[in-house]
Amino acid sequence: MLIETLKLWEDREDVELTTFVTMPDMFLKTLEKRPAVIVCPGGAYQNCPRHGNEGDPVAMAFAMDGYQSFVLEYSVAERAPEGKTLFPAQLVDLAKAMVVIREHADEWSVDVEKISIIGFSAGAHLCGMMATSWQEPWLAQKLGVLPEQLKPLTAMLIYGLLDYTVQEAFNREHKNPMLPVDINSTVFGCPEPDEEMCRANSPALKISEYTVPVFMAAAIDDGMVDSIQSVYMAEKLHKAGVPYELHMFEYGDHGFSLGRNIFEPFRQDKSHACAAWLPLAKTFLMHHIAPETLEYEKNPFAEFEQ
C-alpha cells in the first residue's frame, strides 16, 4: 500500500492529501482501476485531525475492501494562514483534491467516474456542500477544469451540520458551548451570520437536480449538532427525487466515527449500535458503483392492480 502525503497548494503547508492506495505487487503486476473515497474529518473548522478516529481509520476501513482511499486535511483555523479559513476555501480544497486524484488516476489505479466523498461533522458539511454545489461554474473556473470533473459519485454525511439556520436555533436554545462563535468566525468571518449567509452555506437548502446520491447517518442524542438536520435534508432529497439513505441511531451522541469505543477500539464487544452505518454505507456505495448489485423487488400486488 502506498501511504504518502501531498501538499495540495504550492504556497500552503497546511492543506494536505494523504493516500492509502493499493499498488501492484509481485502477484498482481497491474491493477484494474478501482473506486475511490475521499475522507474529510471533522473538527468544527478549528482543526482537522487526520490521525484521529475520523481520518486514517476511516480511510483504512474502506481500503481494506479494495477502495483507493484518501484523507483530506482542509483549511482550518488551527493551521491555515490568517484569513484563509473563510468558506468556501474548504470547498476549493476538496475540489482540488478531486482534480489531483484525477491527474494521478493511472498511477493510483483510480476509476475517475467512481470517486465518492465522506465527511464527519464539519467534514460532512463540506461534503454536503460539494454534493450540492459541484456544478456551480465559479468552482470549476477557480481550478481551470470542467464542472463534471468535480462531480462525486456519492456523498456520505455522518452527523453533519447540514442546515445552519437549524443549528443556530439549536445553539441558542441549548446554549451550546462547543460551537457558535469559533466556527462562525472561522467559516463566515463573524460570530453571528445573517440568515442569508446561513442559508447560502446550508447543504440541505441547496438541493437540486444536480445533487449527487447521499448517504446520511446520525444519532438522535447528538448534543452538539442537531441531528434533525439530517431528517430535514432527507425530506428535501426525497421531494427532489435524489437517491438517498438516512440512518438515525438512538444513541451515539456526536463524534462516534466507526462506532468503536474510543479508549478500547479493539474491544468488539464495546462497539455501539451506530457502528452499523459503515456496512450500510458500503452497500449503498456498491449499488451506485455497480448498479447490477441492486436487486429490485417485484411488486407482490401487481397482479391485483391490473
C-alpha atoms as a PDB file:
ATOM      1  CA  MET A   1       0.000   0.000   0.000  1.00  0.00           C
ATOM      2  CA  LEU A   2       1.235   3.475  -0.902  1.00  0.00           C
ATOM      3  CA  ILE A   3       0.851   5.868   2.027  1.00  0.00           C
ATOM      4  CA  GLU A   4       2.155   9.339   1.266  1.00  0.00           C
ATOM      5  CA  THR A   5       1.133  12.917   1.946  1.00  0.00           C
ATOM      6  CA  LEU A   6       0.968  15.564  -0.769  1.00  0.00           C
ATOM      7  CA  LYS A   7       0.713  19.338  -0.425  1.00  0.00           C
ATOM      8  CA  LEU A   8      -2.296  20.489  -2.466  1.00  0.00           C
ATOM      9  CA  TRP A   9      -1.212  24.107  -2.871  1.00  0.00           C
ATOM     10  CA  GLU A  10       2.312  25.265  -3.691  1.00  0.00           C
ATOM     11  CA  ASP A  11       2.144  28.216  -1.300  1.00  0.00           C
ATOM     12  CA  ARG A  12       0.478  26.347   1.586  1.00  0.00           C
ATOM     13  CA  GLU A  13       1.841  23.824   4.084  1.00  0.00           C
ATOM     14  CA  ASP A  14      -1.431  23.084   5.855  1.00  0.00           C
ATOM     15  CA  VAL A  15      -3.733  21.649   3.158  1.00  0.00           C
ATOM     16  CA  GLU A  16      -2.724  18.048   2.512  1.00  0.00           C
ATOM     17  CA  LEU A  17      -3.974  14.893   0.829  1.00  0.00           C
ATOM     18  CA  THR A  18      -2.798  11.554   2.209  1.00  0.00           C
ATOM     19  CA  THR A  19      -3.074   8.425   0.076  1.00  0.00           C
ATOM     20  CA  PHE A  20      -3.973   4.915   1.206  1.00  0.00           C
ATOM     21  CA  VAL A  21      -3.616   3.333  -2.206  1.00  0.00           C
ATOM     22  CA  THR A  22      -3.209  -0.333  -3.123  1.00  0.00           C
ATOM     23  CA  MET A  23      -0.374  -0.766  -5.595  1.00  0.00           C
ATOM     24  CA  PRO A  24       0.586  -3.688  -7.872  1.00  0.00           C
ATOM     25  CA  ASP A  25       2.766  -6.347  -6.218  1.00  0.00           C
ATOM     26  CA  MET A  26       4.626  -9.467  -7.334  1.00  0.00           C
ATOM     27  CA  PHE A  27       1.347 -11.354  -7.732  1.00  0.00           C
ATOM     28  CA  LEU A  28      -0.660  -8.540  -9.327  1.00  0.00           C
ATOM     29  CA  LYS A  29       1.553  -6.932 -11.959  1.00  0.00           C
ATOM     30  CA  THR A  30      -1.209  -4.483 -12.845  1.00  0.00           C
ATOM     31  CA  LEU A  31      -4.389  -3.358 -11.156  1.00  0.00           C
ATOM     32  CA  GLU A  32      -7.796  -2.726 -12.621  1.00  0.00           C
ATOM     33  CA  LYS A  33      -8.907   0.815 -11.836  1.00  0.00           C
ATOM     34  CA  ARG A  34     -10.795   0.950  -8.568  1.00  0.00           C
ATOM     35  CA  PRO A  35     -13.398   3.218  -6.964  1.00  0.00           C
ATOM     36  CA  ALA A  36     -12.047   5.836  -4.564  1.00  0.00           C
ATOM     37  CA  VAL A  37     -13.178   7.510  -1.350  1.00  0.00           C
ATOM     38  CA  ILE A  38     -12.004  10.897  -0.041  1.00  0.00           C
ATOM     39  CA  VAL A  39     -12.350  11.207   3.751  1.00  0.00           C
ATOM     40  CA  CYS A  40     -12.929  14.637   5.340  1.00  0.00           C
ATOM     41  CA  PRO A  41     -12.539  14.533   9.153  1.00  0.00           C
ATOM     42  CA  GLY A  42     -14.490  16.853  11.423  1.00  0.00           C
ATOM     43  CA  GLY A  43     -13.212  19.392  13.918  1.00  0.00           C
ATOM     44  CA  ALA A  44     -15.628  22.380  13.754  1.00  0.00           C
ATOM     45  CA  TYR A  45     -13.362  24.004  11.118  1.00  0.00           C
ATOM     46  CA  GLN A  46     -10.950  24.659  14.015  1.00  0.00           C
ATOM     47  CA  ASN A  47      -8.813  21.594  13.363  1.00  0.00           C
ATOM     48  CA  CYS A  48      -8.835  18.602  11.045  1.00  0.00           C
ATOM     49  CA  PRO A  49      -7.024  15.723  12.775  1.00  0.00           C
ATOM     50  CA  ARG A  50      -6.015  13.208  10.101  1.00  0.00           C
ATOM     51  CA  HIS A  51      -4.697  10.821  12.737  1.00  0.00           C
ATOM     52  CA  GLY A  52      -7.910  10.980  14.785  1.00  0.00           C
ATOM     53  CA  ASN A  53     -10.767   8.478  14.615  1.00  0.00           C
ATOM     54  CA  GLU A  54     -12.439  10.283  11.665  1.00  0.00           C
ATOM     55  CA  GLY A  55      -9.389  10.273   9.402  1.00  0.00           C
ATOM     56  CA  ASP A  56      -6.900   7.469   8.816  1.00  0.00           C
ATOM     57  CA  PRO A  57      -9.024   4.722  10.478  1.00  0.00           C
ATOM     58  CA  VAL A  58     -11.960   5.527   8.173  1.00  0.00           C
ATOM     59  CA  ALA A  59      -9.725   5.532   5.108  1.00  0.00           C
ATOM     60  CA  MET A  60      -8.319   2.151   6.150  1.00  0.00           C
ATOM     61  CA  ALA A  61     -11.835   0.789   6.707  1.00  0.00           C
ATOM     62  CA  PHE A  62     -12.584   1.439   3.034  1.00  0.00           C
ATOM     63  CA  ALA A  63      -9.091   0.485   1.843  1.00  0.00           C
ATOM     64  CA  MET A  64      -9.475  -2.979   3.378  1.00  0.00           C
ATOM     65  CA  ASP A  65     -12.385  -3.523   0.968  1.00  0.00           C
ATOM     66  CA  GLY A  66     -10.281  -2.520  -2.020  1.00  0.00           C
ATOM     67  CA  TYR A  67     -11.160   1.150  -2.340  1.00  0.00           C
ATOM     68  CA  GLN A  68      -8.381   3.592  -3.130  1.00  0.00           C
ATOM     69  CA  SER A  69      -8.684   5.861  -0.102  1.00  0.00           C
ATOM     70  CA  PHE A  70      -7.566   9.393   0.681  1.00  0.00           C
ATOM     71  CA  VAL A  71      -7.731  11.725   3.681  1.00  0.00           C
ATOM     72  CA  LEU A  72      -8.059  15.454   3.068  1.00  0.00           C
ATOM     73  CA  GLU A  73      -6.749  17.943   5.628  1.00  0.00           C
ATOM     74  CA  TYR A  74      -8.540  21.102   4.524  1.00  0.00           C
ATOM     75  CA  SER A  75      -8.252  24.736   5.653  1.00  0.00           C
ATOM     76  CA  VAL A  76      -8.875  25.110   9.407  1.00  0.00           C
ATOM     77  CA  ALA A  77      -8.219  27.834  11.971  1.00  0.00           C
ATOM     78  CA  GLU A  78      -5.530  25.881  13.813  1.00  0.00           C
ATOM     79  CA  ARG A  79      -3.226  25.558  10.789  1.00  0.00           C
ATOM     80  CA  ALA A  80      -4.254  27.919   7.998  1.00  0.00           C
ATOM     81  CA  PRO A  81      -2.734  31.371   7.443  1.00  0.00           C
ATOM     82  CA  GLU A  82      -4.855  34.252   8.687  1.00  0.00           C
ATOM     83  CA  GLY A  83      -7.892  34.876   6.510  1.00  0.00           C
ATOM     84  CA  LYS A  84      -7.617  31.548   4.673  1.00  0.00           C
ATOM     85  CA  THR A  85     -10.409  29.732   6.503  1.00  0.00           C
ATOM     86  CA  LEU A  86     -13.442  31.662   5.247  1.00  0.00           C
ATOM     87  CA  PHE A  87     -15.840  29.417   3.371  1.00  0.00           C
ATOM     88  CA  PRO A  88     -15.730  28.374   0.537  1.00  0.00           C
ATOM     89  CA  ALA A  89     -11.943  27.929   0.940  1.00  0.00           C
ATOM     90  CA  GLN A  90     -12.550  24.377   2.155  1.00  0.00           C
ATOM     91  CA  LEU A  91     -14.776  23.625  -0.827  1.00  0.00           C
ATOM     92  CA  VAL A  92     -11.968  24.707  -3.136  1.00  0.00           C
ATOM     93  CA  ASP A  93      -9.597  22.416  -1.188  1.00  0.00           C
ATOM     94  CA  LEU A  94     -11.899  19.441  -1.741  1.00  0.00           C
ATOM     95  CA  ALA A  95     -12.325  20.303  -5.416  1.00  0.00           C
ATOM     96  CA  LYS A  96      -8.535  20.492  -5.733  1.00  0.00           C
ATOM     97  CA  ALA A  97      -8.262  17.034  -4.156  1.00  0.00           C
ATOM     98  CA  MET A  98     -10.669  15.693  -6.798  1.00  0.00           C
ATOM     99  CA  VAL A  99      -8.522  17.223  -9.538  1.00  0.00           C
ATOM    100  CA  VAL A 100      -5.273  15.827  -8.109  1.00  0.00           C
ATOM    101  CA  ILE A 101      -6.725  12.321  -7.852  1.00  0.00           C
ATOM    102  CA  ARG A 102      -7.872  12.548 -11.467  1.00  0.00           C
ATOM    103  CA  GLU A 103      -4.399  13.673 -12.513  1.00  0.00           C
ATOM    104  CA  HIS A 104      -2.879  10.626 -10.776  1.00  0.00           C
ATOM    105  CA  ALA A 105      -5.633   8.219 -11.803  1.00  0.00           C
ATOM    106  CA  ASP A 106      -3.372   5.962 -13.849  1.00  0.00           C
ATOM    107  CA  GLU A 107      -0.607   5.922 -11.249  1.00  0.00           C
ATOM    108  CA  TRP A 108      -3.047   5.239  -8.400  1.00  0.00           C
ATOM    109  CA  SER A 109      -5.387   2.924 -10.359  1.00  0.00           C
ATOM    110  CA  VAL A 110      -8.455   5.102  -9.726  1.00  0.00           C
ATOM    111  CA  ASP A 111     -11.681   4.961 -11.715  1.00  0.00           C
ATOM    112  CA  VAL A 112     -12.332   8.696 -12.086  1.00  0.00           C
ATOM    113  CA  GLU A 113     -16.059   8.144 -12.594  1.00  0.00           C
ATOM    114  CA  LYS A 114     -16.328   6.494  -9.173  1.00  0.00           C
ATOM    115  CA  ILE A 115     -14.840   8.925  -6.664  1.00  0.00           C
ATOM    116  CA  SER A 116     -17.045   9.310  -3.587  1.00  0.00           C
ATOM    117  CA  ILE A 117     -16.654  11.627  -0.610  1.00  0.00           C
ATOM    118  CA  ILE A 118     -17.340  11.066   3.079  1.00  0.00           C
ATOM    119  CA  GLY A 119     -17.307  13.627   5.866  1.00  0.00           C
ATOM    120  CA  PHE A 120     -17.906  13.804   9.597  1.00  0.00           C
ATOM    121  CA  SER A 121     -19.463  16.799  11.382  1.00  0.00           C
ATOM    122  CA  ALA A 122     -17.818  19.876   9.770  1.00  0.00           C
ATOM    123  CA  GLY A 123     -16.341  17.496   7.185  1.00  0.00           C
ATOM    124  CA  ALA A 124     -19.891  16.337   6.442  1.00  0.00           C
ATOM    125  CA  HIS A 125     -20.914  19.968   5.952  1.00  0.00           C
ATOM    126  CA  LEU A 126     -18.040  20.307   3.482  1.00  0.00           C
ATOM    127  CA  CYS A 127     -19.013  17.133   1.605  1.00  0.00           C
ATOM    128  CA  GLY A 128     -22.658  18.202   1.638  1.00  0.00           C
ATOM    129  CA  MET A 129     -21.705  21.487   0.015  1.00  0.00           C
ATOM    130  CA  MET A 130     -19.716  19.631  -2.647  1.00  0.00           C
ATOM    131  CA  ALA A 131     -22.637  17.261  -3.258  1.00  0.00           C
ATOM    132  CA  THR A 132     -24.945  20.221  -3.892  1.00  0.00           C
ATOM    133  CA  SER A 133     -22.527  22.753  -5.439  1.00  0.00           C
ATOM    134  CA  TRP A 134     -20.100  20.854  -7.695  1.00  0.00           C
ATOM    135  CA  GLN A 135     -21.892  22.146 -10.808  1.00  0.00           C
ATOM    136  CA  GLU A 136     -21.529  25.852  -9.969  1.00  0.00           C
ATOM    137  CA  PRO A 137     -19.338  27.486 -12.658  1.00  0.00           C
ATOM    138  CA  TRP A 138     -17.217  29.553 -10.263  1.00  0.00           C
ATOM    139  CA  LEU A 139     -15.783  26.428  -8.626  1.00  0.00           C
ATOM    140  CA  ALA A 140     -14.638  24.817 -11.870  1.00  0.00           C
ATOM    141  CA  GLN A 141     -13.285  28.150 -13.123  1.00  0.00           C
ATOM    142  CA  LYS A 142     -11.262  28.508  -9.921  1.00  0.00           C
ATOM    143  CA  LEU A 143      -9.385  25.330 -10.819  1.00  0.00           C
ATOM    144  CA  GLY A 144      -9.453  25.624 -14.599  1.00  0.00           C
ATOM    145  CA  VAL A 145     -11.445  22.429 -15.161  1.00  0.00           C
ATOM    146  CA  LEU A 146     -14.908  21.420 -16.333  1.00  0.00           C
ATOM    147  CA  PRO A 147     -17.616  21.113 -13.661  1.00  0.00           C
ATOM    148  CA  GLU A 148     -18.080  17.405 -14.484  1.00  0.00           C
ATOM    149  CA  GLN A 149     -14.539  16.777 -13.234  1.00  0.00           C
ATOM    150  CA  LEU A 150     -15.608  17.859  -9.755  1.00  0.00           C
ATOM    151  CA  LYS A 151     -18.725  15.701  -9.527  1.00  0.00           C
ATOM    152  CA  PRO A 152     -18.510  12.996  -6.851  1.00  0.00           C
ATOM    153  CA  LEU A 153     -20.255   9.682  -7.417  1.00  0.00           C
ATOM    154  CA  THR A 154     -21.891   9.833  -3.987  1.00  0.00           C
ATOM    155  CA  ALA A 155     -21.566  11.768  -0.733  1.00  0.00           C
ATOM    156  CA  MET A 156     -21.703  10.174   2.731  1.00  0.00           C
ATOM    157  CA  LEU A 157     -22.563  12.652   5.500  1.00  0.00           C
ATOM    158  CA  ILE A 158     -22.051  11.404   9.055  1.00  0.00           C
ATOM    159  CA  TYR A 159     -23.569  13.510  11.881  1.00  0.00           C
ATOM    160  CA  GLY A 160     -23.312  16.517   9.607  1.00  0.00           C
ATOM    161  CA  LEU A 161     -24.004  20.196  10.108  1.00  0.00           C
ATOM    162  CA  LEU A 162     -26.352  20.477   7.143  1.00  0.00           C
ATOM    163  CA  ASP A 163     -28.618  23.456   7.900  1.00  0.00           C
ATOM    164  CA  TYR A 164     -27.072  26.465   9.623  1.00  0.00           C
ATOM    165  CA  THR A 165     -30.476  28.046  10.295  1.00  0.00           C
ATOM    166  CA  VAL A 166     -31.468  24.997  12.365  1.00  0.00           C
ATOM    167  CA  GLN A 167     -28.071  24.824  14.051  1.00  0.00           C
ATOM    168  CA  GLU A 168     -28.124  28.479  15.069  1.00  0.00           C
ATOM    169  CA  ALA A 169     -31.522  27.953  16.728  1.00  0.00           C
ATOM    170  CA  PHE A 170     -30.205  24.806  18.440  1.00  0.00           C
ATOM    171  CA  ASN A 171     -27.168  26.694  19.750  1.00  0.00           C
ATOM    172  CA  ARG A 172     -29.341  29.431  21.239  1.00  0.00           C
ATOM    173  CA  GLU A 173     -31.834  27.025  22.774  1.00  0.00           C
ATOM    174  CA  HIS A 174     -29.244  24.730  24.334  1.00  0.00           C
ATOM    175  CA  LYS A 175     -26.576  27.372  24.979  1.00  0.00           C
ATOM    176  CA  ASN A 176     -24.208  25.104  23.081  1.00  0.00           C
ATOM    177  CA  PRO A 177     -20.709  25.919  24.422  1.00  0.00           C
ATOM    178  CA  MET A 178     -18.870  23.916  21.775  1.00  0.00           C
ATOM    179  CA  LEU A 179     -19.844  25.553  18.518  1.00  0.00           C
ATOM    180  CA  PRO A 180     -21.203  29.011  17.836  1.00  0.00           C
ATOM    181  CA  VAL A 181     -18.615  31.791  17.987  1.00  0.00           C
ATOM    182  CA  ASP A 182     -15.458  29.997  16.859  1.00  0.00           C
ATOM    183  CA  ILE A 183     -16.962  28.048  13.975  1.00  0.00           C
ATOM    184  CA  ASN A 184     -18.995  31.017  12.740  1.00  0.00           C
ATOM    185  CA  SER A 185     -15.999  33.322  12.856  1.00  0.00           C
ATOM    186  CA  THR A 186     -13.863  30.753  11.057  1.00  0.00           C
ATOM    187  CA  VAL A 187     -16.414  29.993   8.332  1.00  0.00           C
ATOM    188  CA  PHE A 188     -18.253  33.308   7.948  1.00  0.00           C
ATOM    189  CA  GLY A 189     -15.839  35.852   9.377  1.00  0.00           C
ATOM    190  CA  CYS A 190     -18.330  36.953  12.049  1.00  0.00           C
ATOM    191  CA  PRO A 191     -19.798  35.354  15.210  1.00  0.00           C
ATOM    192  CA  GLU A 192     -23.425  35.944  14.177  1.00  0.00           C
ATOM    193  CA  PRO A 193     -24.004  35.403  10.434  1.00  0.00           C
ATOM    194  CA  ASP A 194     -27.272  36.678   8.998  1.00  0.00           C
ATOM    195  CA  GLU A 195     -29.953  34.335   7.680  1.00  0.00           C
ATOM    196  CA  GLU A 196     -28.973  34.869   4.041  1.00  0.00           C
ATOM    197  CA  MET A 197     -25.395  33.783   4.782  1.00  0.00           C
ATOM    198  CA  CYS A 198     -26.603  30.773   6.761  1.00  0.00           C
ATOM    199  CA  ARG A 199     -28.940  29.635   4.015  1.00  0.00           C
ATOM    200  CA  ALA A 200     -26.309  30.051   1.302  1.00  0.00           C
ATOM    201  CA  ASN A 201     -23.991  27.680   3.206  1.00  0.00           C
ATOM    202  CA  SER A 202     -26.538  25.026   4.151  1.00  0.00           C
ATOM    203  CA  PRO A 203     -26.413  21.851   2.002  1.00  0.00           C
ATOM    204  CA  ALA A 204     -29.982  20.965   2.982  1.00  0.00           C
ATOM    205  CA  LEU A 205     -31.168  24.212   1.386  1.00  0.00           C
ATOM    206  CA  LYS A 206     -29.156  23.849  -1.840  1.00  0.00           C
ATOM    207  CA  ILE A 207     -30.563  20.559  -3.144  1.00  0.00           C
ATOM    208  CA  SER A 208     -31.348  20.482  -6.856  1.00  0.00           C
ATOM    209  CA  GLU A 209     -31.460  18.102  -9.801  1.00  0.00           C
ATOM    210  CA  TYR A 210     -27.637  18.273  -9.804  1.00  0.00           C
ATOM    211  CA  THR A 211     -27.272  16.878  -6.274  1.00  0.00           C
ATOM    212  CA  VAL A 212     -25.483  13.524  -6.176  1.00  0.00           C
ATOM    213  CA  PRO A 213     -26.825  10.494  -4.229  1.00  0.00           C
ATOM    214  CA  VAL A 214     -26.439  10.995  -0.486  1.00  0.00           C
ATOM    215  CA  PHE A 215     -25.979   8.611   2.466  1.00  0.00           C
ATOM    216  CA  MET A 216     -26.559  10.026   5.957  1.00  0.00           C
ATOM    217  CA  ALA A 217     -26.132   8.693   9.475  1.00  0.00           C
ATOM    218  CA  ALA A 218     -26.592  10.472  12.803  1.00  0.00           C
ATOM    219  CA  ALA A 219     -27.552   9.841  16.429  1.00  0.00           C
ATOM    220  CA  ILE A 220     -30.738  11.191  17.953  1.00  0.00           C
ATOM    221  CA  ASP A 221     -28.918  12.077  21.185  1.00  0.00           C
ATOM    222  CA  ASP A 222     -26.311  14.246  19.441  1.00  0.00           C
ATOM    223  CA  GLY A 223     -25.644  17.064  21.890  1.00  0.00           C
ATOM    224  CA  MET A 224     -23.526  19.213  19.590  1.00  0.00           C
ATOM    225  CA  VAL A 225     -25.132  19.179  16.130  1.00  0.00           C
ATOM    226  CA  ASP A 226     -28.919  18.916  15.996  1.00  0.00           C
ATOM    227  CA  SER A 227     -29.489  15.597  14.211  1.00  0.00           C
ATOM    228  CA  ILE A 228     -32.889  16.722  12.917  1.00  0.00           C
ATOM    229  CA  GLN A 229     -30.882  18.430  10.169  1.00  0.00           C
ATOM    230  CA  SER A 230     -30.262  15.023   8.585  1.00  0.00           C
ATOM    231  CA  VAL A 231     -34.012  14.358   8.650  1.00  0.00           C
ATOM    232  CA  TYR A 232     -34.761  17.704   7.011  1.00  0.00           C
ATOM    233  CA  MET A 233     -32.157  17.043   4.326  1.00  0.00           C
ATOM    234  CA  ALA A 234     -33.623  13.596   3.681  1.00  0.00           C
ATOM    235  CA  GLU A 235     -37.059  15.158   3.220  1.00  0.00           C
ATOM    236  CA  LYS A 236     -35.717  17.630   0.668  1.00  0.00           C
ATOM    237  CA  LEU A 237     -33.765  14.936  -1.179  1.00  0.00           C
ATOM    238  CA  HIS A 238     -36.922  12.832  -1.273  1.00  0.00           C
ATOM    239  CA  LYS A 239     -39.004  15.644  -2.729  1.00  0.00           C
ATOM    240  CA  ALA A 240     -36.302  16.412  -5.312  1.00  0.00           C
ATOM    241  CA  GLY A 241     -36.098  12.765  -6.398  1.00  0.00           C
ATOM    242  CA  VAL A 242     -32.423  12.460  -5.427  1.00  0.00           C
ATOM    243  CA  PRO A 243     -31.370   8.940  -4.291  1.00  0.00           C
ATOM    244  CA  TYR A 244     -30.561   8.860  -0.584  1.00  0.00           C
ATOM    245  CA  GLU A 245     -30.429   6.771   2.569  1.00  0.00           C
ATOM    246  CA  LEU A 246     -30.859   8.042   6.127  1.00  0.00           C
ATOM    247  CA  HIS A 247     -29.998   6.014   9.230  1.00  0.00           C
ATOM    248  CA  MET A 248     -30.862   7.547  12.602  1.00  0.00           C
ATOM    249  CA  PHE A 249     -29.465   5.756  15.639  1.00  0.00           C
ATOM    250  CA  GLU A 250     -30.956   6.080  19.102  1.00  0.00           C
ATOM    251  CA  TYR A 251     -27.569   6.535  20.777  1.00  0.00           C
ATOM    252  CA  GLY A 252     -24.123   7.623  19.667  1.00  0.00           C
ATOM    253  CA  ASP A 253     -24.018  11.345  20.511  1.00  0.00           C
ATOM    254  CA  HIS A 254     -21.526  13.295  18.390  1.00  0.00           C
ATOM    255  CA  GLY A 255     -18.253  12.011  17.004  1.00  0.00           C
ATOM    256  CA  PHE A 256     -18.984   8.278  17.045  1.00  0.00           C
ATOM    257  CA  SER A 257     -16.999   7.767  13.814  1.00  0.00           C
ATOM    258  CA  LEU A 258     -16.690   3.994  13.231  1.00  0.00           C
ATOM    259  CA  GLY A 259     -18.749   3.289  16.342  1.00  0.00           C
ATOM    260  CA  ARG A 260     -15.877   1.748  18.312  1.00  0.00           C
ATOM    261  CA  ASN A 261     -15.173   2.508  21.954  1.00  0.00           C
ATOM    262  CA  ILE A 262     -12.670   5.392  21.758  1.00  0.00           C
ATOM    263  CA  PHE A 263     -10.447   4.109  24.557  1.00  0.00           C
ATOM    264  CA  GLU A 264     -10.563   0.419  23.624  1.00  0.00           C
ATOM    265  CA  PRO A 265     -11.337   0.236  19.880  1.00  0.00           C
ATOM    266  CA  PHE A 266     -10.095  -3.367  19.809  1.00  0.00           C
ATOM    267  CA  ARG A 267     -12.990  -4.425  22.067  1.00  0.00           C
ATOM    268  CA  GLN A 268     -15.645  -5.512  19.575  1.00  0.00           C
ATOM    269  CA  ASP A 269     -17.993  -6.184  22.487  1.00  0.00           C
ATOM    270  CA  LYS A 270     -17.931  -2.456  23.255  1.00  0.00           C
ATOM    271  CA  SER A 271     -18.933  -1.329  19.760  1.00  0.00           C
ATOM    272  CA  HIS A 272     -22.012   0.872  19.654  1.00  0.00           C
ATOM    273  CA  ALA A 273     -25.132   0.174  17.607  1.00  0.00           C
ATOM    274  CA  CYS A 274     -24.263   3.171  15.441  1.00  0.00           C
ATOM    275  CA  ALA A 275     -21.274   1.176  14.121  1.00  0.00           C
ATOM    276  CA  ALA A 276     -23.810  -0.377  11.750  1.00  0.00           C
ATOM    277  CA  TRP A 277     -23.585   2.697   9.499  1.00  0.00           C
ATOM    278  CA  LEU A 278     -20.335   1.503   7.885  1.00  0.00           C
ATOM    279  CA  PRO A 279     -21.589  -1.729   6.268  1.00  0.00           C
ATOM    280  CA  LEU A 280     -24.778   0.098   5.309  1.00  0.00           C
ATOM    281  CA  ALA A 281     -22.723   2.820   3.625  1.00  0.00           C
ATOM    282  CA  LYS A 282     -20.609   0.267   1.791  1.00  0.00           C
ATOM    283  CA  THR A 283     -23.752  -1.402   0.455  1.00  0.00           C
ATOM    284  CA  PHE A 284     -25.098   1.989  -0.625  1.00  0.00           C
ATOM    285  CA  LEU A 285     -21.803   2.713  -2.365  1.00  0.00           C
ATOM    286  CA  MET A 286     -21.729  -0.631  -4.143  1.00  0.00           C
ATOM    287  CA  HIS A 287     -25.220  -0.098  -5.535  1.00  0.00           C
ATOM    288  CA  HIS A 288     -24.006   3.106  -7.201  1.00  0.00           C
ATOM    289  CA  ILE A 289     -20.641   1.706  -8.262  1.00  0.00           C
ATOM    290  CA  ALA A 290     -22.193  -1.436  -9.721  1.00  0.00           C
ATOM    291  CA  PRO A 291     -25.960  -0.994 -10.234  1.00  0.00           C
ATOM    292  CA  GLU A 292     -26.289  -4.659 -11.181  1.00  0.00           C
ATOM    293  CA  THR A 293     -25.758  -5.492  -7.490  1.00  0.00           C
ATOM    294  CA  LEU A 294     -29.078  -3.866  -6.601  1.00  0.00           C
ATOM    295  CA  GLU A 295     -31.923  -6.362  -6.513  1.00  0.00           C
ATOM    296  CA  TYR A 296     -35.234  -4.676  -7.229  1.00  0.00           C
ATOM    297  CA  GLU A 297     -38.178  -6.340  -5.528  1.00  0.00           C
ATOM    298  CA  LYS A 298     -41.206  -7.141  -7.630  1.00  0.00           C
ATOM    299  CA  ASN A 299     -44.469  -5.631  -6.525  1.00  0.00           C
ATOM    300  CA  PRO A 300     -46.393  -8.519  -4.900  1.00  0.00           C
ATOM    301  CA  PHE A 301     -49.689  -6.723  -5.544  1.00  0.00           C
ATOM    302  CA  ALA A 302     -49.049  -6.001  -9.235  1.00  0.00           C
ATOM    303  CA  GLU A 303     -51.470  -8.689 -10.430  1.00  0.00           C
ATOM    304  CA  PHE A 304     -54.270  -7.188  -8.350  1.00  0.00           C
ATOM    305  CA  GLU A 305     -53.699  -3.716  -9.815  1.00  0.00           C
ATOM    306  CA  GLN A 306     -54.395  -4.848 -13.377  1.00  0.00           C
END
